[in-house]
């Protein structure tokens, strides 16, 4: 038993992979990273792999490109508006407000970087949680 005393024995932490908050953050971070790539390169397309059967009927893994939908648009005044989405629904950042006025297109990349930092710090957890709750309520109704 004296050999075990050399170790630092602790309680097993809960499974972090099943934490819904971390899953939501991961999903949001992945989407923001894609938007950042799209802002840097207008021709950026997501490469996804899919199993398909070839002419002989054998399954093979095939890569194909998937077009991404931009989360920003330009209004009549020429300002760029960035609308964060969770899934296909716009994320309400402030009460009743879903868009961020970026200004010029050059400011888009720093804004996306700031949003990535905010998601990593958990600043948007409540907004995503509220959106998730409203989706669950609609299913129940």
Protein backbone atom coordinates (compact mmCIF):
# COMPACT_ATOMS: atom_id res chain seq x y z
CA UNK A 1 0.00 0.00 0.00
CA UNK A 2 2.90 2.38 0.46
CA UNK A 3 3.27 2.52 -3.35
CA UNK A 4 -0.24 3.95 -3.75
CA UNK A 5 0.44 6.81 -1.36
CA UNK A 6 2.83 8.26 -3.95
CA UNK A 7 -0.12 8.95 -6.30
CA UNK A 8 -2.53 11.86 -6.14
CA UNK A 9 -5.89 10.03 -6.03
CA UNK A 10 -8.98 12.11 -6.87
CA UNK A 11 -12.67 11.55 -7.59
CA UNK A 12 -13.55 10.83 -11.21
CA UNK A 13 -14.99 13.98 -12.89
CA UNK A 14 -18.29 13.81 -14.72
CA UNK A 15 -18.12 13.08 -18.42
CA UNK A 16 -17.35 16.42 -20.06
CA UNK A 17 -18.33 15.12 -23.50
CA UNK A 18 -21.98 14.87 -22.48
CA UNK A 19 -22.23 18.43 -21.15
CA UNK A 20 -24.91 20.17 -23.29
CA UNK A 21 -23.38 23.62 -22.76
CA UNK A 22 -20.02 22.50 -24.14
CA UNK A 23 -21.76 20.78 -27.07
CA UNK A 24 -23.61 24.01 -27.94
CA UNK A 25 -20.39 26.01 -27.70
CA UNK A 26 -18.61 23.53 -29.93
CA UNK A 27 -21.36 23.71 -32.54
CA UNK A 28 -21.38 27.52 -32.47
CA UNK A 29 -17.57 27.68 -32.68
CA UNK A 30 -17.55 25.36 -35.70
CA UNK A 31 -20.13 27.51 -37.46
CA UNK A 32 -18.25 30.74 -36.68
CA UNK A 33 -14.98 29.23 -37.93
CA UNK A 34 -16.73 28.39 -41.21
CA UNK A 35 -18.03 31.96 -41.48
CA UNK A 36 -14.52 33.27 -40.82
CA UNK A 37 -13.17 31.09 -43.64
CA UNK A 38 -15.95 32.32 -45.92
CA UNK A 39 -15.18 35.96 -45.03
CA UNK A 40 -11.49 35.42 -45.84
CA UNK A 41 -12.19 33.59 -49.11
CA UNK A 42 -15.43 34.27 -51.00
CA UNK A 43 -15.07 30.98 -52.90
CA UNK A 44 -14.72 28.86 -49.76
CA UNK A 45 -16.82 25.70 -49.73
CA UNK A 46 -17.10 23.11 -47.00
CA UNK A 47 -15.78 19.68 -47.95
CA UNK A 48 -17.90 16.82 -46.63
CA UNK A 49 -17.44 13.09 -47.02
CA UNK A 50 -20.29 10.80 -47.90
CA UNK A 51 -20.63 7.08 -48.54
CA UNK A 52 -21.99 6.35 -52.02
CA UNK A 53 -22.26 3.26 -54.17
CA UNK A 54 -20.23 3.29 -57.36
CA UNK A 55 -21.25 1.74 -60.71
CA UNK A 56 -20.32 -1.75 -59.49
CA UNK A 57 -22.45 -1.35 -56.34
CA UNK A 58 -19.51 -1.07 -53.96
CA UNK A 59 -19.68 1.55 -51.24
CA UNK A 60 -16.92 4.14 -51.34
CA UNK A 61 -16.19 7.32 -49.46
CA UNK A 62 -16.65 10.33 -51.74
CA UNK A 63 -15.81 13.96 -51.00
CA UNK A 64 -18.06 16.69 -52.28
CA UNK A 65 -18.24 20.42 -51.75
CA UNK A 66 -21.08 22.04 -49.85
CA UNK A 67 -21.90 25.71 -50.27
CA UNK A 68 -22.18 27.74 -47.07
CA UNK A 69 -24.80 30.39 -46.48
CA UNK A 70 -23.30 33.74 -45.51
CA UNK A 71 -24.40 35.14 -42.16
CA UNK A 72 -23.90 38.73 -43.29
CA UNK A 73 -25.67 41.06 -45.68
CA UNK A 74 -25.37 44.66 -46.79
CA UNK A 75 -28.20 47.08 -45.98
CA UNK A 76 -29.38 50.03 -48.09
CA UNK A 77 -26.90 52.41 -46.41
CA UNK A 78 -23.95 50.16 -47.35
CA UNK A 79 -23.34 48.86 -43.83
CA UNK A 80 -22.67 45.17 -43.28
CA UNK A 81 -25.00 43.40 -40.83
CA UNK A 82 -23.91 40.10 -39.26
CA UNK A 83 -26.65 37.74 -38.06
CA UNK A 84 -25.47 34.87 -35.86
CA UNK A 85 -27.41 31.66 -36.27
CA UNK A 86 -27.80 28.58 -34.16
CA UNK A 87 -28.84 25.94 -36.64
CA UNK A 88 -31.09 27.78 -39.03
CA UNK A 89 -32.54 30.25 -36.52
CA UNK A 90 -31.14 33.73 -35.83
CA UNK A 91 -29.63 34.12 -32.37
CA UNK A 92 -31.15 36.92 -30.28
CA UNK A 93 -28.07 38.67 -28.90
CA UNK A 94 -29.97 41.45 -27.13
CA UNK A 95 -33.70 41.65 -26.36
CA UNK A 96 -35.40 41.72 -29.77
CA UNK A 97 -32.12 42.29 -31.68
CA UNK A 98 -30.48 39.64 -33.84
CA UNK A 99 -28.02 41.59 -36.03
CA UNK A 100 -24.65 43.21 -35.38
CA UNK A 101 -23.89 46.33 -37.40
CA UNK A 102 -20.33 45.74 -38.56
CA UNK A 103 -19.98 48.91 -40.64
CA UNK A 104 -17.56 48.35 -43.52
CA UNK A 105 -16.77 44.87 -44.87
CA UNK A 106 -13.17 45.23 -43.60
CA UNK A 107 -14.51 45.08 -40.02
CA UNK A 108 -16.21 41.72 -40.57
CA UNK A 109 -13.22 39.47 -39.76
CA UNK A 110 -12.37 41.22 -36.43
CA UNK A 111 -16.05 41.03 -35.42
CA UNK A 112 -16.18 37.28 -36.14
CA UNK A 113 -12.93 36.83 -34.16
CA UNK A 114 -14.47 38.74 -31.23
CA UNK A 115 -17.59 36.56 -31.42
CA UNK A 116 -15.45 33.40 -31.37
CA UNK A 117 -13.77 34.69 -28.21
CA UNK A 118 -17.17 35.51 -26.68
CA UNK A 119 -18.46 32.00 -27.40
CA UNK A 120 -15.32 30.43 -25.90
CA UNK A 121 -15.81 32.55 -22.76
CA UNK A 122 -19.45 31.46 -22.50
CA UNK A 123 -20.94 34.92 -23.04
CA UNK A 124 -23.58 33.64 -25.47
CA UNK A 125 -24.57 30.51 -23.54
CA UNK A 126 -27.81 32.03 -22.24
CA UNK A 127 -28.90 33.23 -25.69
CA UNK A 128 -28.30 29.79 -27.21
CA UNK A 129 -30.01 28.12 -24.25
CA UNK A 130 -33.06 30.38 -24.66
CA UNK A 131 -33.22 29.54 -28.36
CA UNK A 132 -33.00 25.84 -27.55
CA UNK A 133 -35.77 26.18 -24.93
CA UNK A 134 -38.10 27.93 -27.39
CA UNK A 135 -37.51 25.15 -29.93
CA UNK A 136 -38.42 22.51 -27.34
CA UNK A 137 -41.61 24.39 -26.38
CA UNK A 138 -42.71 24.50 -30.04
CA UNK A 139 -42.22 20.72 -30.35
CA UNK A 140 -44.34 20.09 -27.25
CA UNK A 141 -47.19 22.29 -28.48
